[in-house]
Every structure is written in structure tokens, then in C-alpha cells.
Amino acid sequence: MADEAVVRTRPVRVKIYARTGAVIDGLAHIKPGAYQRRISDVLNLGQVKYMAVTDCTYTLPGVEARESGCVLVNTEDIVMLDAAPPRPGDEDKSEPLLPGASM
């Protein structure tokens, strides 16, 4: 993947519980050294409407688990977030640059 197609981030392993009953398990991405360098900063500021979670598995009530390369989670729908250190190999993963986004 070309360098211009990714945003360099620090991955954080998360399990997100949404108001809808969805559970998303994957990697959230934080910009290293930036003002919003912690997951709690991103959620508390309220400026971010969606959080990208990559390399994830998600479940919805009554539906089998599904895998996805990237799911966008509405931050207003997050009820609880469980954060854990990255696993071996997670450090090299970055948030993709979404279509229409610029760096």
C-alpha cells in the first residue's frame, strides 16, 4: 500500500459496545503526539463523529459475527469501550485513508 494511502497512527486494541447492541472488536487508531493522543481524548472532545476500527469483527443482536477491514463507529452510539495494548504485529497497522479524504 502506498504511503499516501494511509494515515500514520498508533493502534489501540478495543472492544466497543454500542447502544444498538453491536459489539465491535478491532483496532482504533490514535495520532501519535497529537492533541487527541488517547482514546478518551477523542471521545470526550465530541469533535469526532465517527471512529474507524480496522481489522475487526463485529456482531449485531441475532446476527452471526462478521469480519471487516474497516468499520466506522458513530461515537455518540458508544456505550462502553474496553481498551487493551496492541498485540504483536499491530504496531505496523495504520488507519486507511478513506475515499474523498485528504491528508
C-alpha atoms as a PDB file:
ATOM      1  CA  MET A   1       0.000   0.000   0.000  1.00  0.00           C
ATOM      2  CA  ALA A   2       1.418   3.399  -0.948  1.00  0.00           C
ATOM      3  CA  ASP A   3       2.390   5.796   1.838  1.00  0.00           C
ATOM      4  CA  GLU A   4      -0.124   8.414   0.655  1.00  0.00           C
ATOM      5  CA  ALA A   5      -2.943   5.863   1.127  1.00  0.00           C
ATOM      6  CA  VAL A   6      -2.508   5.540   4.907  1.00  0.00           C
ATOM      7  CA  VAL A   7      -2.549   7.815   7.920  1.00  0.00           C
ATOM      8  CA  ARG A   8       0.256   7.009  10.369  1.00  0.00           C
ATOM      9  CA  THR A   9      -1.334   6.208  13.696  1.00  0.00           C
ATOM     10  CA  ARG A  10      -0.822   4.336  16.946  1.00  0.00           C
ATOM     11  CA  PRO A  11      -3.219   1.360  17.032  1.00  0.00           C
ATOM     12  CA  VAL A  12      -5.155   0.582  20.202  1.00  0.00           C
ATOM     13  CA  ARG A  13      -6.927  -2.761  20.582  1.00  0.00           C
ATOM     14  CA  VAL A  14     -10.577  -2.029  21.503  1.00  0.00           C
ATOM     15  CA  LYS A  15     -13.856  -3.772  22.163  1.00  0.00           C
ATOM     16  CA  ILE A  16     -16.714  -1.314  21.650  1.00  0.00           C
ATOM     17  CA  TYR A  17     -20.240  -1.845  22.935  1.00  0.00           C
ATOM     18  CA  ALA A  18     -22.814   0.237  21.057  1.00  0.00           C
ATOM     19  CA  ARG A  19     -26.250   1.473  22.042  1.00  0.00           C
ATOM     20  CA  THR A  20     -27.714  -0.752  19.274  1.00  0.00           C
ATOM     21  CA  GLY A  21     -26.310  -3.891  20.916  1.00  0.00           C
ATOM     22  CA  ALA A  22     -23.493  -4.176  18.372  1.00  0.00           C
ATOM     23  CA  VAL A  23     -20.088  -5.282  19.662  1.00  0.00           C
ATOM     24  CA  ILE A  24     -17.026  -4.274  17.605  1.00  0.00           C
ATOM     25  CA  ASP A  25     -13.629  -5.835  18.360  1.00  0.00           C
ATOM     26  CA  GLY A  26     -10.584  -4.487  16.500  1.00  0.00           C
ATOM     27  CA  LEU A  27      -8.062  -1.652  16.259  1.00  0.00           C
ATOM     28  CA  ALA A  28      -8.881   2.014  16.832  1.00  0.00           C
ATOM     29  CA  HIS A  29      -6.236   4.485  15.679  1.00  0.00           C
ATOM     30  CA  ILE A  30      -4.800   7.461  17.566  1.00  0.00           C
ATOM     31  CA  LYS A  31      -2.488  10.081  16.070  1.00  0.00           C
ATOM     32  CA  PRO A  32       0.818   9.844  17.954  1.00  0.00           C
ATOM     33  CA  GLY A  33       1.938  13.085  19.594  1.00  0.00           C
ATOM     34  CA  ALA A  34      -1.276  14.843  18.631  1.00  0.00           C
ATOM     35  CA  TYR A  35      -3.633  16.675  20.972  1.00  0.00           C
ATOM     36  CA  GLN A  36      -6.033  13.700  20.812  1.00  0.00           C
ATOM     37  CA  ARG A  37      -3.428  11.093  21.703  1.00  0.00           C
ATOM     38  CA  ARG A  38      -5.686   8.957  23.917  1.00  0.00           C
ATOM     39  CA  ILE A  39      -8.969   7.202  23.117  1.00  0.00           C
ATOM     40  CA  SER A  40     -10.610   9.116  25.978  1.00  0.00           C
ATOM     41  CA  ASP A  41      -9.486  12.425  24.416  1.00  0.00           C
ATOM     42  CA  VAL A  42     -11.116  11.505  21.116  1.00  0.00           C
ATOM     43  CA  LEU A  43     -14.395  10.518  22.773  1.00  0.00           C
ATOM     44  CA  ASN A  44     -14.570  13.393  25.277  1.00  0.00           C
ATOM     45  CA  LEU A  45     -13.944  16.245  22.859  1.00  0.00           C
ATOM     46  CA  GLY A  46     -17.005  15.400  20.801  1.00  0.00           C
ATOM     47  CA  GLN A  47     -15.411  16.760  17.615  1.00  0.00           C
ATOM     48  CA  VAL A  48     -15.036  13.304  16.103  1.00  0.00           C
ATOM     49  CA  LYS A  49     -18.365  11.907  14.867  1.00  0.00           C
ATOM     50  CA  TYR A  50     -17.019   8.533  13.707  1.00  0.00           C
ATOM     51  CA  MET A  51     -14.138   6.363  14.847  1.00  0.00           C
ATOM     52  CA  ALA A  52     -12.505   3.970  12.403  1.00  0.00           C
ATOM     53  CA  VAL A  53     -11.978   0.447  13.755  1.00  0.00           C
ATOM     54  CA  THR A  54      -9.845  -1.733  11.487  1.00  0.00           C
ATOM     55  CA  ASP A  55      -9.066  -5.450  11.296  1.00  0.00           C
ATOM     56  CA  CYS A  56     -12.263  -6.033  13.205  1.00  0.00           C
ATOM     57  CA  THR A  57     -15.011  -8.471  13.968  1.00  0.00           C
ATOM     58  CA  TYR A  58     -18.469  -7.160  14.754  1.00  0.00           C
ATOM     59  CA  THR A  59     -21.687  -8.722  15.937  1.00  0.00           C
ATOM     60  CA  LEU A  60     -25.235  -7.437  15.913  1.00  0.00           C
ATOM     61  CA  PRO A  61     -28.066  -8.866  18.021  1.00  0.00           C
ATOM     62  CA  GLY A  62     -29.372 -12.036  16.351  1.00  0.00           C
ATOM     63  CA  VAL A  63     -26.763 -11.964  13.555  1.00  0.00           C
ATOM     64  CA  GLU A  64     -23.594 -14.045  13.152  1.00  0.00           C
ATOM     65  CA  ALA A  65     -20.252 -12.321  13.683  1.00  0.00           C
ATOM     66  CA  ARG A  66     -18.737 -10.688  10.601  1.00  0.00           C
ATOM     67  CA  GLU A  67     -15.190  -9.636   9.792  1.00  0.00           C
ATOM     68  CA  SER A  68     -14.311  -6.314   8.178  1.00  0.00           C
ATOM     69  CA  GLY A  69     -11.196  -4.413   7.182  1.00  0.00           C
ATOM     70  CA  CYS A  70     -12.673  -1.154   8.486  1.00  0.00           C
ATOM     71  CA  VAL A  71     -15.898  -0.211  10.282  1.00  0.00           C
ATOM     72  CA  LEU A  72     -16.842   3.383  11.121  1.00  0.00           C
ATOM     73  CA  VAL A  73     -18.489   3.627  14.545  1.00  0.00           C
ATOM     74  CA  ASN A  74     -20.674   6.619  15.444  1.00  0.00           C
ATOM     75  CA  THR A  75     -19.048   7.904  18.639  1.00  0.00           C
ATOM     76  CA  GLU A  76     -22.425   9.073  20.008  1.00  0.00           C
ATOM     77  CA  ASP A  77     -23.611   5.439  19.988  1.00  0.00           C
ATOM     78  CA  ILE A  78     -20.714   4.100  22.088  1.00  0.00           C
ATOM     79  CA  VAL A  79     -21.931   2.913  25.486  1.00  0.00           C
ATOM     80  CA  MET A  80     -18.685   1.332  26.668  1.00  0.00           C
ATOM     81  CA  LEU A  81     -15.177   0.891  25.259  1.00  0.00           C
ATOM     82  CA  ASP A  82     -12.664  -1.636  26.567  1.00  0.00           C
ATOM     83  CA  ALA A  83      -9.104  -0.673  25.525  1.00  0.00           C
ATOM     84  CA  ALA A  84      -6.116  -3.028  25.600  1.00  0.00           C
ATOM     85  CA  PRO A  85      -2.498  -2.860  24.452  1.00  0.00           C
ATOM     86  CA  PRO A  86      -1.804  -3.834  20.832  1.00  0.00           C
ATOM     87  CA  ARG A  87      -0.927  -7.444  20.076  1.00  0.00           C
ATOM     88  CA  PRO A  88       2.326  -8.402  18.371  1.00  0.00           C
ATOM     89  CA  GLY A  89       2.130  -7.225  14.767  1.00  0.00           C
ATOM     90  CA  ASP A  90      -0.465  -4.500  15.453  1.00  0.00           C
ATOM     91  CA  GLU A  91       2.173  -1.747  15.657  1.00  0.00           C
ATOM     92  CA  ASP A  92       2.675  -1.674  11.876  1.00  0.00           C
ATOM     93  CA  LYS A  93      -1.018  -1.261  11.079  1.00  0.00           C
ATOM     94  CA  SER A  94      -2.464   2.131  10.184  1.00  0.00           C
ATOM     95  CA  GLU A  95      -5.861   3.642   9.567  1.00  0.00           C
ATOM     96  CA  PRO A  96      -6.641   3.708   5.841  1.00  0.00           C
ATOM     97  CA  LEU A  97      -7.244   6.980   4.068  1.00  0.00           C
ATOM     98  CA  LEU A  98     -10.938   6.791   3.236  1.00  0.00           C
ATOM     99  CA  PRO A  99     -12.225   7.747  -0.218  1.00  0.00           C
ATOM    100  CA  GLY A 100     -12.669  11.503  -0.535  1.00  0.00           C
ATOM    101  CA  ALA A 101     -10.436  12.271   2.460  1.00  0.00           C
ATOM    102  CA  SER A 102      -7.306  14.366   2.124  1.00  0.00           C
ATOM    103  CA  MET A 103      -4.180  14.454   4.235  1.00  0.00           C
END
